[in-house]
Amino acid sequence: MPSYKKSDARAYCKENMKGIWAAIPYPIDENDNIDEDAFRADLRHYIDNLNIKGFFVGGMIGEFWCLTKEERLRGQEIACDEAGEVPIIAHTGHTSVKEAIELTNAASKAGATYAILANPYLGAQGHPERVRAFFKEVCDNTDLGVSLFNTGATGYSLTPQLVKALVDENETICCIKNAQPKYHCDEVRTAVGDDIVVSDPMETPWFYNHAYLKQQTFMSGPDPFLYQRKGNLRMQRYTDLIDEGNLEEAWTANEAMNPIRRVSEKWIWGPWSRGAFPIPALKAWMDLMGMAGGPSRAPMIPLTAGEKKELESDLRSVGLID
């Protein structure tokens, strides 16, 4: 159960959701099940070696669309158990509002700190009054603080005006992961930034967002575990320098990451922007760095042997693997 009262969800989130969070996948084993031991080992790496401050589980990176409900429930349960005091935000979105409520209440029982729900798609289909009805039903029947996950992968995006209406109508909406262009994020900050935590989840503008717009949390993407390795926490370093007020050195550290960003644009964010979830490349990247990525389920297509070799060469060239 949450450690805050339902009416205090926003204040709690404003006070506690800070720093670098990661959106993480579930490793799949050779029997096409969630590899629980590997998932726990990855979490320990993220926490103990990379100092990541919180985790988004069961979302786009977590391939929720190809998981059974039982797997979604078990995945968030493992994450909460292994992470301990490190906060978990569990993706509990569903086309069925009844299933979304069940997933959210199960996440609360498992120990998740927050829930996050992608825009409801089939049924709601972007109609403002239907979207509002969906979130009202969820928020009225759950106790966790709720984050909006405003992603165009659902077929539409919430307008800043609709975001404000949802925030005004539901006291437990405490955050938004706003995977939208800069102008949209700026409008959302103006509309609701005084009330809830607003996060642009892309790493590339994180320097500017954190240093100048005072975005308090990077929530969240795979960048913290793809771009960093034990002993070289590049993203954390420039973030810490910003927090220390050393913007010149922070900018230098930030710019030093551009070669890694170019590799990521090639394999991850470029394909993503063209509508192709690059989960097989992301998981292969993890495998090459010593984490447990593992295979992806259909309809994802595995990388070819040649692509894996090319990815390995690219990672080696930017110092992510030896």
C-alpha atoms as a PDB file:
ATOM      1  CA  MET A   1       0.000   0.000   0.000  1.00  0.00           C
ATOM      2  CA  PRO A   2       1.232   3.556  -0.610  1.00  0.00           C
ATOM      3  CA  SER A   3       3.120   5.321   2.155  1.00  0.00           C
ATOM      4  CA  TYR A   4       0.991   8.446   1.661  1.00  0.00           C
ATOM      5  CA  LYS A   5      -2.680   9.298   1.844  1.00  0.00           C
ATOM      6  CA  LYS A   6      -4.562   9.447  -1.433  1.00  0.00           C
ATOM      7  CA  SER A   7      -5.136  13.163  -0.940  1.00  0.00           C
ATOM      8  CA  ASP A   8      -1.377  13.695  -0.468  1.00  0.00           C
ATOM      9  CA  ALA A   9      -0.275  11.961  -3.691  1.00  0.00           C
ATOM     10  CA  ARG A  10       0.759  15.191  -5.432  1.00  0.00           C
ATOM     11  CA  ALA A  11       2.690  16.601  -2.515  1.00  0.00           C
ATOM     12  CA  TYR A  12       4.443  13.274  -1.998  1.00  0.00           C
ATOM     13  CA  CYS A  13       5.387  13.009  -5.667  1.00  0.00           C
ATOM     14  CA  LYS A  14       6.676  16.595  -5.798  1.00  0.00           C
ATOM     15  CA  GLU A  15       8.839  15.919  -2.770  1.00  0.00           C
ATOM     16  CA  ASN A  16      10.142  12.480  -3.698  1.00  0.00           C
ATOM     17  CA  MET A  17      10.184  11.825  -7.455  1.00  0.00           C
ATOM     18  CA  LYS A  18      13.625  13.190  -8.244  1.00  0.00           C
ATOM     19  CA  GLY A  19      16.777  12.282 -10.139  1.00  0.00           C
ATOM     20  CA  ILE A  20      17.339   9.761 -12.902  1.00  0.00           C
ATOM     21  CA  TRP A  21      14.783   6.979 -13.381  1.00  0.00           C
ATOM     22  CA  ALA A  22      14.899   4.214 -15.987  1.00  0.00           C
ATOM     23  CA  ALA A  23      12.253   2.414 -18.024  1.00  0.00           C
ATOM     24  CA  ILE A  24      13.318  -1.224 -17.918  1.00  0.00           C
ATOM     25  CA  PRO A  25      12.497  -4.404 -19.846  1.00  0.00           C
ATOM     26  CA  TYR A  26      11.718  -7.912 -18.662  1.00  0.00           C
ATOM     27  CA  PRO A  27      14.253 -10.554 -19.763  1.00  0.00           C
ATOM     28  CA  ILE A  28      12.594 -13.556 -21.427  1.00  0.00           C
ATOM     29  CA  ASP A  29      14.106 -17.028 -21.016  1.00  0.00           C
ATOM     30  CA  GLU A  30      14.457 -19.935 -23.461  1.00  0.00           C
ATOM     31  CA  ASN A  31      11.033 -21.247 -22.389  1.00  0.00           C
ATOM     32  CA  ASP A  32       9.365 -17.920 -23.283  1.00  0.00           C
ATOM     33  CA  ASN A  33       8.774 -16.932 -19.666  1.00  0.00           C
ATOM     34  CA  ILE A  34       9.942 -13.914 -17.691  1.00  0.00           C
ATOM     35  CA  ASP A  35      13.413 -14.847 -16.472  1.00  0.00           C
ATOM     36  CA  GLU A  36      12.966 -13.900 -12.832  1.00  0.00           C
ATOM     37  CA  ASP A  37      16.575 -14.491 -11.751  1.00  0.00           C
ATOM     38  CA  ALA A  38      17.923 -12.463 -14.680  1.00  0.00           C
ATOM     39  CA  PHE A  39      15.461  -9.657 -14.005  1.00  0.00           C
ATOM     40  CA  ARG A  40      16.534  -9.496 -10.379  1.00  0.00           C
ATOM     41  CA  ALA A  41      20.203  -9.450 -11.433  1.00  0.00           C
ATOM     42  CA  ASP A  42      19.525  -6.577 -13.839  1.00  0.00           C
ATOM     43  CA  LEU A  43      17.765  -4.632 -11.095  1.00  0.00           C
ATOM     44  CA  ARG A  44      20.703  -5.121  -8.757  1.00  0.00           C
ATOM     45  CA  HIS A  45      23.022  -3.796 -11.483  1.00  0.00           C
ATOM     46  CA  TYR A  46      20.821  -0.769 -12.055  1.00  0.00           C
ATOM     47  CA  ILE A  47      20.682   0.008  -8.336  1.00  0.00           C
ATOM     48  CA  ASP A  48      24.106  -1.055  -7.062  1.00  0.00           C
ATOM     49  CA  ASN A  49      26.303  -0.145 -10.031  1.00  0.00           C
ATOM     50  CA  LEU A  50      24.427   2.625 -11.837  1.00  0.00           C
ATOM     51  CA  ASN A  51      22.757   4.369  -8.890  1.00  0.00           C
ATOM     52  CA  ILE A  52      19.431   4.725 -10.735  1.00  0.00           C
ATOM     53  CA  LYS A  53      16.842   6.372  -8.499  1.00  0.00           C
ATOM     54  CA  GLY A  54      13.604   4.721  -9.649  1.00  0.00           C
ATOM     55  CA  PHE A  55      12.112   2.369 -12.226  1.00  0.00           C
ATOM     56  CA  PHE A  56       9.256   2.371 -14.718  1.00  0.00           C
ATOM     57  CA  VAL A  57       8.206  -1.256 -15.203  1.00  0.00           C
ATOM     58  CA  GLY A  58       5.787  -2.906 -17.594  1.00  0.00           C
ATOM     59  CA  GLY A  59       5.566  -0.097 -20.134  1.00  0.00           C
ATOM     60  CA  MET A  60       6.619   0.284 -23.764  1.00  0.00           C
ATOM     61  CA  ILE A  61      10.184  -0.798 -22.992  1.00  0.00           C
ATOM     62  CA  GLY A  62       8.672  -3.581 -20.864  1.00  0.00           C
ATOM     63  CA  GLU A  63       6.732  -4.893 -23.902  1.00  0.00           C
ATOM     64  CA  PHE A  64       3.439  -4.826 -22.049  1.00  0.00           C
ATOM     65  CA  TRP A  65       1.527  -5.425 -25.268  1.00  0.00           C
ATOM     66  CA  CYS A  66       2.883  -8.994 -25.527  1.00  0.00           C
ATOM     67  CA  LEU A  67       2.538  -9.962 -21.855  1.00  0.00           C
ATOM     68  CA  THR A  68      -0.356 -11.818 -20.285  1.00  0.00           C
ATOM     69  CA  LYS A  69      -2.104 -10.174 -17.376  1.00  0.00           C
ATOM     70  CA  GLU A  70      -0.506 -12.746 -15.080  1.00  0.00           C
ATOM     71  CA  GLU A  71       2.939 -11.832 -16.396  1.00  0.00           C
ATOM     72  CA  ARG A  72       2.262  -8.135 -15.908  1.00  0.00           C
ATOM     73  CA  LEU A  73       1.193  -8.798 -12.327  1.00  0.00           C
ATOM     74  CA  ARG A  74       4.211 -10.991 -11.619  1.00  0.00           C
ATOM     75  CA  GLY A  75       6.655  -8.594 -13.267  1.00  0.00           C
ATOM     76  CA  GLN A  76       5.630  -5.634 -11.133  1.00  0.00           C
ATOM     77  CA  GLU A  77       5.652  -7.855  -8.047  1.00  0.00           C
ATOM     78  CA  ILE A  78       9.257  -8.982  -8.677  1.00  0.00           C
ATOM     79  CA  ALA A  79      10.359  -5.410  -9.353  1.00  0.00           C
ATOM     80  CA  CYS A  80       8.883  -4.118  -6.103  1.00  0.00           C
ATOM     81  CA  ASP A  81      10.362  -6.994  -4.109  1.00  0.00           C
ATOM     82  CA  GLU A  82      13.890  -6.665  -5.519  1.00  0.00           C
ATOM     83  CA  ALA A  83      14.008  -2.866  -5.583  1.00  0.00           C
ATOM     84  CA  GLY A  84      13.099  -2.585  -1.924  1.00  0.00           C
ATOM     85  CA  GLU A  85      13.153   1.082  -0.952  1.00  0.00           C
ATOM     86  CA  VAL A  86      13.909   2.237  -4.506  1.00  0.00           C
ATOM     87  CA  PRO A  87      10.588   3.473  -5.936  1.00  0.00           C
ATOM     88  CA  ILE A  88       8.709   1.652  -8.669  1.00  0.00           C
ATOM     89  CA  ILE A  89       6.192   3.230 -11.021  1.00  0.00           C
ATOM     90  CA  ALA A  90       4.186   0.392 -12.540  1.00  0.00           C
ATOM     91  CA  HIS A  91       2.515   0.731 -15.913  1.00  0.00           C
ATOM     92  CA  THR A  92      -1.060  -0.425 -15.402  1.00  0.00           C
ATOM     93  CA  GLY A  93      -2.672   0.900 -18.567  1.00  0.00           C
ATOM     94  CA  HIS A  94      -5.148  -1.325 -20.396  1.00  0.00           C
ATOM     95  CA  THR A  95      -7.954  -1.037 -22.914  1.00  0.00           C
ATOM     96  CA  SER A  96     -10.271  -2.338 -20.181  1.00  0.00           C
ATOM     97  CA  VAL A  97     -10.723   0.130 -17.335  1.00  0.00           C
ATOM     98  CA  LYS A  98     -11.636  -2.799 -15.080  1.00  0.00           C
ATOM     99  CA  GLU A  99      -8.303  -4.496 -15.848  1.00  0.00           C
ATOM    100  CA  ALA A 100      -6.459  -1.189 -15.377  1.00  0.00           C
ATOM    101  CA  ILE A 101      -7.963  -0.840 -11.907  1.00  0.00           C
ATOM    102  CA  GLU A 102      -7.046  -4.432 -11.037  1.00  0.00           C
ATOM    103  CA  LEU A 103      -3.455  -3.948 -12.216  1.00  0.00           C
ATOM    104  CA  THR A 104      -3.170  -0.665 -10.313  1.00  0.00           C
ATOM    105  CA  ASN A 105      -4.487  -2.084  -7.056  1.00  0.00           C
ATOM    106  CA  ALA A 106      -2.204  -5.102  -7.427  1.00  0.00           C
ATOM    107  CA  ALA A 107       0.763  -2.769  -7.948  1.00  0.00           C
ATOM    108  CA  SER A 108      -0.193  -0.940  -4.768  1.00  0.00           C
ATOM    109  CA  LYS A 109      -0.390  -4.203  -2.841  1.00  0.00           C
ATOM    110  CA  ALA A 110       2.992  -5.291  -4.229  1.00  0.00           C
ATOM    111  CA  GLY A 111       4.608  -2.104  -2.964  1.00  0.00           C
ATOM    112  CA  ALA A 112       4.744   0.169  -6.014  1.00  0.00           C
ATOM    113  CA  THR A 113       5.060   3.859  -5.205  1.00  0.00           C
ATOM    114  CA  TYR A 114       3.031   5.081  -8.187  1.00  0.00           C
ATOM    115  CA  ALA A 115       1.061   3.805 -11.168  1.00  0.00           C
ATOM    116  CA  ILE A 116       1.380   5.128 -14.701  1.00  0.00           C
ATOM    117  CA  LEU A 117      -1.103   4.647 -17.519  1.00  0.00           C
ATOM    118  CA  ALA A 118      -0.602   5.241 -21.221  1.00  0.00           C
ATOM    119  CA  ASN A 119      -3.372   7.049 -23.060  1.00  0.00           C
ATOM    120  CA  PRO A 120      -6.366   4.693 -23.371  1.00  0.00           C
ATOM    121  CA  TYR A 121      -6.664   3.804 -27.033  1.00  0.00           C
ATOM    122  CA  LEU A 122      -9.360   1.420 -28.320  1.00  0.00           C
ATOM    123  CA  GLY A 123     -12.681   2.701 -27.049  1.00  0.00           C
ATOM    124  CA  ALA A 124     -11.442   6.094 -25.894  1.00  0.00           C
ATOM    125  CA  GLN A 125      -9.593   6.749 -29.176  1.00  0.00           C
ATOM    126  CA  GLY A 126      -8.641  10.265 -28.147  1.00  0.00           C
ATOM    127  CA  HIS A 127     -12.161  11.578 -27.555  1.00  0.00           C
ATOM    128  CA  PRO A 128     -11.625  13.985 -24.628  1.00  0.00           C
ATOM    129  CA  GLU A 129     -14.802  13.062 -22.750  1.00  0.00           C
ATOM    130  CA  ARG A 130     -13.969   9.344 -23.018  1.00  0.00           C
ATOM    131  CA  VAL A 131     -10.390   9.854 -21.897  1.00  0.00           C
ATOM    132  CA  ARG A 132     -11.667  11.849 -18.924  1.00  0.00           C
ATOM    133  CA  ALA A 133     -14.173   9.109 -18.073  1.00  0.00           C
ATOM    134  CA  PHE A 134     -11.432   6.465 -18.226  1.00  0.00           C
ATOM    135  CA  PHE A 135      -9.089   8.254 -15.845  1.00  0.00           C
ATOM    136  CA  LYS A 136     -11.878   9.251 -13.469  1.00  0.00           C
ATOM    137  CA  GLU A 137     -12.898   5.606 -13.142  1.00  0.00           C
ATOM    138  CA  VAL A 138      -9.323   4.548 -12.433  1.00  0.00           C
ATOM    139  CA  CYS A 139      -8.556   7.347  -9.986  1.00  0.00           C
ATOM    140  CA  ASP A 140     -11.855   6.933  -8.119  1.00  0.00           C
ATOM    141  CA  ASN A 141     -11.172   3.247  -7.542  1.00  0.00           C
ATOM    142  CA  THR A 142      -7.461   3.214  -6.677  1.00  0.00           C
ATOM    143  CA  ASP A 143      -5.250   4.798  -4.020  1.00  0.00           C
ATOM    144  CA  LEU A 144      -1.886   5.106  -5.766  1.00  0.00           C
ATOM    145  CA  GLY A 145      -0.680   8.363  -7.191  1.00  0.00           C
ATOM    146  CA  VAL A 146      -1.255   8.176 -10.947  1.00  0.00           C
ATOM    147  CA  SER A 147       1.021   9.421 -13.695  1.00  0.00           C
ATOM    148  CA  LEU A 148      -0.176  10.121 -17.204  1.00  0.00           C
ATOM    149  CA  PHE A 149       1.969   8.561 -19.944  1.00  0.00           C
ATOM    150  CA  ASN A 150       1.327  10.800 -22.907  1.00  0.00           C
ATOM    151  CA  THR A 151       2.690   8.790 -25.827  1.00  0.00           C
ATOM    152  CA  GLY A 152       1.694   8.984 -29.454  1.00  0.00           C
ATOM    153  CA  ALA A 153       2.258   5.224 -29.687  1.00  0.00           C
ATOM    154  CA  THR A 154      -1.369   4.905 -28.552  1.00  0.00           C
ATOM    155  CA  GLY A 155      -2.517   6.511 -31.791  1.00  0.00           C
ATOM    156  CA  TYR A 156      -3.038  10.016 -30.421  1.00  0.00           C
ATOM    157  CA  SER A 157      -1.627  12.434 -27.858  1.00  0.00           C
ATOM    158  CA  LEU A 158      -3.265  14.313 -25.014  1.00  0.00           C
ATOM    159  CA  THR A 159      -3.423  18.036 -25.700  1.00  0.00           C
ATOM    160  CA  PRO A 160      -2.144  20.375 -22.967  1.00  0.00           C
ATOM    161  CA  GLN A 161      -5.751  21.425 -22.447  1.00  0.00           C
ATOM    162  CA  LEU A 162      -6.862  17.827 -21.891  1.00  0.00           C
ATOM    163  CA  VAL A 163      -3.921  17.213 -19.555  1.00  0.00           C
ATOM    164  CA  LYS A 164      -5.046  20.187 -17.476  1.00  0.00           C
ATOM    165  CA  ALA A 165      -8.641  18.928 -17.395  1.00  0.00           C
ATOM    166  CA  LEU A 166      -7.478  15.505 -16.180  1.00  0.00           C
ATOM    167  CA  VAL A 167      -5.307  17.065 -13.484  1.00  0.00           C
ATOM    168  CA  ASP A 168      -8.092  19.391 -12.357  1.00  0.00           C
ATOM    169  CA  GLU A 169     -10.598  16.536 -12.110  1.00  0.00           C
ATOM    170  CA  ASN A 170      -8.443  13.864 -10.404  1.00  0.00           C
ATOM    171  CA  GLU A 171      -6.520  14.675  -7.240  1.00  0.00           C
ATOM    172  CA  THR A 172      -4.350  11.555  -7.474  1.00  0.00           C
ATOM    173  CA  ILE A 173      -2.849  12.474 -10.846  1.00  0.00           C
ATOM    174  CA  CYS A 174       0.565  13.591  -9.658  1.00  0.00           C
ATOM    175  CA  CYS A 175       2.895  13.339 -12.663  1.00  0.00           C
ATOM    176  CA  ILE A 176       3.064  13.183 -16.435  1.00  0.00           C
ATOM    177  CA  LYS A 177       5.636  11.462 -18.588  1.00  0.00           C
ATOM    178  CA  ASN A 178       5.150  13.656 -21.618  1.00  0.00           C
ATOM    179  CA  ALA A 179       6.748  11.960 -24.615  1.00  0.00           C
ATOM    180  CA  GLN A 180       6.027  14.891 -26.897  1.00  0.00           C
ATOM    181  CA  PRO A 181       7.882  17.657 -28.791  1.00  0.00           C
ATOM    182  CA  LYS A 182       9.473  20.507 -26.848  1.00  0.00           C
ATOM    183  CA  TYR A 183       6.719  23.031 -27.579  1.00  0.00           C
ATOM    184  CA  HIS A 184       4.135  20.593 -26.199  1.00  0.00           C
ATOM    185  CA  CYS A 185       6.185  19.946 -23.047  1.00  0.00           C
ATOM    186  CA  ASP A 186       6.532  23.693 -22.550  1.00  0.00           C
ATOM    187  CA  GLU A 187       2.757  24.152 -22.827  1.00  0.00           C
ATOM    188  CA  VAL A 188       2.123  21.304 -20.379  1.00  0.00           C
ATOM    189  CA  ARG A 189       4.585  22.823 -17.899  1.00  0.00           C
ATOM    190  CA  THR A 190       2.731  26.124 -18.132  1.00  0.00           C
ATOM    191  CA  ALA A 191      -0.642  24.424 -17.720  1.00  0.00           C
ATOM    192  CA  VAL A 192       0.052  22.041 -14.821  1.00  0.00           C
ATOM    193  CA  GLY A 193       3.697  22.389 -13.772  1.00  0.00           C
ATOM    194  CA  ASP A 194       2.778  24.056 -10.480  1.00  0.00           C
ATOM    195  CA  ASP A 195       0.478  21.153  -9.588  1.00  0.00           C
ATOM    196  CA  ILE A 196       2.245  17.980 -10.728  1.00  0.00           C
ATOM    197  CA  VAL A 197       5.667  16.696 -11.744  1.00  0.00           C
ATOM    198  CA  VAL A 198       6.200  17.169 -15.486  1.00  0.00           C
ATOM    199  CA  SER A 199       8.875  15.046 -17.163  1.00  0.00           C
ATOM    200  CA  ASP A 200      10.125  15.150 -20.726  1.00  0.00           C
ATOM    201  CA  PRO A 201      11.480  11.557 -20.931  1.00  0.00           C
ATOM    202  CA  MET A 202      14.146  12.125 -23.585  1.00  0.00           C
ATOM    203  CA  GLU A 203      17.792  12.210 -22.511  1.00  0.00           C
ATOM    204  CA  THR A 204      18.966  14.636 -25.204  1.00  0.00           C
ATOM    205  CA  PRO A 205      17.152  17.687 -23.713  1.00  0.00           C
ATOM    206  CA  TRP A 206      17.667  16.555 -20.106  1.00  0.00           C
ATOM    207  CA  PHE A 207      20.618  18.929 -19.622  1.00  0.00           C
ATOM    208  CA  TYR A 208      18.544  21.964 -20.623  1.00  0.00           C
ATOM    209  CA  ASN A 209      15.380  20.755 -18.902  1.00  0.00           C
ATOM    210  CA  HIS A 210      17.154  20.096 -15.614  1.00  0.00           C
ATOM    211  CA  ALA A 211      19.497  23.077 -15.623  1.00  0.00           C
ATOM    212  CA  TYR A 212      17.157  25.784 -16.872  1.00  0.00           C
ATOM    213  CA  LEU A 213      13.561  24.530 -16.601  1.00  0.00           C
ATOM    214  CA  LYS A 214      14.211  22.851 -13.230  1.00  0.00           C
ATOM    215  CA  GLN A 215      12.718  19.535 -14.364  1.00  0.00           C
ATOM    216  CA  GLN A 216      13.230  17.540 -11.185  1.00  0.00           C
ATOM    217  CA  THR A 217      13.204  14.031 -12.590  1.00  0.00           C
ATOM    218  CA  PHE A 218      14.225  12.182 -15.715  1.00  0.00           C
ATOM    219  CA  MET A 219      11.275   9.793 -15.849  1.00  0.00           C
ATOM    220  CA  SER A 220      12.090   7.751 -17.834  1.00  0.00           C
ATOM    221  CA  GLY A 221      13.804   5.855 -20.637  1.00  0.00           C
ATOM    222  CA  PRO A 222      16.406   3.134 -21.184  1.00  0.00           C
ATOM    223  CA  ASP A 223      19.252   5.648 -21.559  1.00  0.00           C
ATOM    224  CA  PRO A 224      20.507   5.384 -17.936  1.00  0.00           C
ATOM    225  CA  PHE A 225      21.461   1.717 -18.361  1.00  0.00           C
ATOM    226  CA  LEU A 226      22.345   1.846 -22.066  1.00  0.00           C
ATOM    227  CA  TYR A 227      24.682   4.867 -21.838  1.00  0.00           C
ATOM    228  CA  GLN A 228      26.316   4.119 -18.491  1.00  0.00           C
ATOM    229  CA  ARG A 229      28.468   1.323 -17.110  1.00  0.00           C
ATOM    230  CA  LYS A 230      29.959   0.588 -13.731  1.00  0.00           C
ATOM    231  CA  GLY A 231      32.669   3.149 -13.020  1.00  0.00           C
ATOM    232  CA  ASN A 232      31.529   5.534 -15.750  1.00  0.00           C
ATOM    233  CA  LEU A 233      28.181   7.093 -14.935  1.00  0.00           C
ATOM    234  CA  ARG A 234      28.147   9.674 -17.710  1.00  0.00           C
ATOM    235  CA  MET A 235      24.554  10.805 -17.383  1.00  0.00           C
ATOM    236  CA  GLN A 236      24.690  10.918 -13.605  1.00  0.00           C
ATOM    237  CA  ARG A 237      27.916  12.933 -13.762  1.00  0.00           C
ATOM    238  CA  TYR A 238      26.557  15.832 -15.775  1.00  0.00           C
ATOM    239  CA  THR A 239      23.361  15.762 -13.710  1.00  0.00           C
ATOM    240  CA  ASP A 240      25.358  16.014 -10.479  1.00  0.00           C
ATOM    241  CA  LEU A 241      27.409  18.877 -11.903  1.00  0.00           C
ATOM    242  CA  ILE A 242      24.206  20.744 -12.748  1.00  0.00           C
ATOM    243  CA  ASP A 243      22.995  20.214  -9.185  1.00  0.00           C
ATOM    244  CA  GLU A 244      26.312  21.585  -7.899  1.00  0.00           C
ATOM    245  CA  GLY A 245      25.866  24.712 -10.018  1.00  0.00           C
ATOM    246  CA  ASN A 246      28.865  23.916 -12.222  1.00  0.00           C
ATOM    247  CA  LEU A 247      27.136  24.380 -15.575  1.00  0.00           C
ATOM    248  CA  GLU A 248      30.296  24.850 -17.624  1.00  0.00           C
ATOM    249  CA  GLU A 249      31.794  21.526 -16.579  1.00  0.00           C
ATOM    250  CA  ALA A 250      28.364  19.923 -16.790  1.00  0.00           C
ATOM    251  CA  TRP A 251      28.029  21.077 -20.392  1.00  0.00           C
ATOM    252  CA  THR A 252      31.434  19.620 -21.244  1.00  0.00           C
ATOM    253  CA  ALA A 253      30.437  16.280 -19.700  1.00  0.00           C
ATOM    254  CA  ASN A 254      27.119  16.420 -21.511  1.00  0.00           C
ATOM    255  CA  GLU A 255      28.726  17.120 -24.899  1.00  0.00           C
ATOM    256  CA  ALA A 256      31.183  14.252 -24.392  1.00  0.00           C
ATOM    257  CA  MET A 257      28.210  11.880 -24.662  1.00  0.00           C
ATOM    258  CA  ASN A 258      27.388  12.857 -28.258  1.00  0.00           C
ATOM    259  CA  PRO A 259      29.140   9.839 -29.829  1.00  0.00           C
ATOM    260  CA  ILE A 260      26.974   7.532 -27.689  1.00  0.00           C
ATOM    261  CA  ARG A 261      23.886   9.499 -28.643  1.00  0.00           C
ATOM    262  CA  ARG A 262      24.703   9.015 -32.333  1.00  0.00           C
ATOM    263  CA  VAL A 263      24.894   5.248 -31.819  1.00  0.00           C
ATOM    264  CA  SER A 264      21.599   5.369 -29.940  1.00  0.00           C
ATOM    265  CA  GLU A 265      19.972   7.411 -32.693  1.00  0.00           C
ATOM    266  CA  LYS A 266      21.049   4.770 -35.202  1.00  0.00           C
ATOM    267  CA  TRP A 267      19.789   1.754 -33.282  1.00  0.00           C
ATOM    268  CA  ILE A 268      17.116   2.998 -30.873  1.00  0.00           C
ATOM    269  CA  TRP A 269      15.642   6.461 -31.265  1.00  0.00           C
ATOM    270  CA  GLY A 270      15.794   6.755 -35.042  1.00  0.00           C
ATOM    271  CA  PRO A 271      13.786   3.550 -35.573  1.00  0.00           C
ATOM    272  CA  TRP A 272      11.469   4.512 -32.705  1.00  0.00           C
ATOM    273  CA  SER A 273      10.694   7.872 -34.313  1.00  0.00           C
ATOM    274  CA  ARG A 274       9.751   6.016 -37.503  1.00  0.00           C
ATOM    275  CA  GLY A 275       7.212   3.910 -35.630  1.00  0.00           C
ATOM    276  CA  ALA A 276       9.266   0.716 -35.218  1.00  0.00           C
ATOM    277  CA  PHE A 277       9.784  -0.224 -31.563  1.00  0.00           C
ATOM    278  CA  PRO A 278      13.477  -1.236 -31.574  1.00  0.00           C
ATOM    279  CA  ILE A 279      13.164  -3.642 -28.643  1.00  0.00           C
ATOM    280  CA  PRO A 280      15.336  -6.387 -30.229  1.00  0.00           C
ATOM    281  CA  ALA A 281      18.176  -3.872 -30.719  1.00  0.00           C
ATOM    282  CA  LEU A 282      17.744  -2.547 -27.187  1.00  0.00           C
ATOM    283  CA  LYS A 283      17.909  -6.031 -25.710  1.00  0.00           C
ATOM    284  CA  ALA A 284      20.894  -6.995 -27.859  1.00  0.00           C
ATOM    285  CA  TRP A 285      22.629  -3.813 -26.644  1.00  0.00           C
ATOM    286  CA  MET A 286      21.967  -4.934 -23.065  1.00  0.00           C
ATOM    287  CA  ASP A 287      23.336  -8.422 -23.739  1.00  0.00           C
ATOM    288  CA  LEU A 288      26.531  -6.963 -25.158  1.00  0.00           C
ATOM    289  CA  MET A 289      26.973  -4.817 -22.048  1.00  0.00           C
ATOM    290  CA  GLY A 290      26.595  -7.802 -19.724  1.00  0.00           C
ATOM    291  CA  MET A 291      22.971  -7.338 -18.710  1.00  0.00           C
ATOM    292  CA  ALA A 292      20.197  -9.813 -19.444  1.00  0.00           C
ATOM    293  CA  GLY A 293      18.284  -8.473 -22.403  1.00  0.00           C
ATOM    294  CA  GLY A 294      17.315 -11.756 -23.965  1.00  0.00           C
ATOM    295  CA  PRO A 295      14.919 -12.297 -26.851  1.00  0.00           C
ATOM    296  CA  SER A 296      11.787 -10.358 -27.703  1.00  0.00           C
ATOM    297  CA  ARG A 297       8.464 -11.934 -28.472  1.00  0.00           C
ATOM    298  CA  ALA A 298       6.672 -11.893 -31.805  1.00  0.00           C
ATOM    299  CA  PRO A 299       5.917  -9.765 -33.701  1.00  0.00           C
ATOM    300  CA  MET A 300       9.382  -8.378 -32.986  1.00  0.00           C
ATOM    301  CA  ILE A 301      12.083  -9.582 -35.401  1.00  0.00           C
ATOM    302  CA  PRO A 302      15.492 -10.511 -33.925  1.00  0.00           C
ATOM    303  CA  LEU A 303      18.614  -8.775 -35.190  1.00  0.00           C
ATOM    304  CA  THR A 304      20.546 -10.692 -37.796  1.00  0.00           C
ATOM    305  CA  ALA A 305      24.043 -11.959 -37.034  1.00  0.00           C
ATOM    306  CA  GLY A 306      25.411  -9.151 -39.160  1.00  0.00           C
ATOM    307  CA  GLU A 307      23.393  -6.520 -37.317  1.00  0.00           C
ATOM    308  CA  LYS A 308      24.547  -7.851 -33.953  1.00  0.00           C
ATOM    309  CA  LYS A 309      28.161  -7.664 -35.112  1.00  0.00           C
ATOM    310  CA  GLU A 310      27.641  -4.099 -36.327  1.00  0.00           C
ATOM    311  CA  LEU A 311      26.011  -3.093 -33.037  1.00  0.00           C
ATOM    312  CA  GLU A 312      28.885  -4.641 -31.088  1.00  0.00           C
ATOM    313  CA  SER A 313      31.380  -2.660 -33.152  1.00  0.00           C
ATOM    314  CA  ASP A 314      29.422   0.556 -32.572  1.00  0.00           C
ATOM    315  CA  LEU A 315      29.288   0.037 -28.796  1.00  0.00           C
ATOM    316  CA  ARG A 316      32.975  -0.749 -28.647  1.00  0.00           C
ATOM    317  CA  SER A 317      33.824   2.383 -30.628  1.00  0.00           C
ATOM    318  CA  VAL A 318      32.193   4.611 -27.984  1.00  0.00           C
ATOM    319  CA  GLY A 319      33.618   2.807 -24.952  1.00  0.00           C
ATOM    320  CA  LEU A 320      30.489   1.064 -23.743  1.00  0.00           C
ATOM    321  CA  ILE A 321      32.102  -2.355 -24.076  1.00  0.00           C
ATOM    322  CA  ASP A 322      35.763  -3.343 -24.024  1.00  0.00           C
END
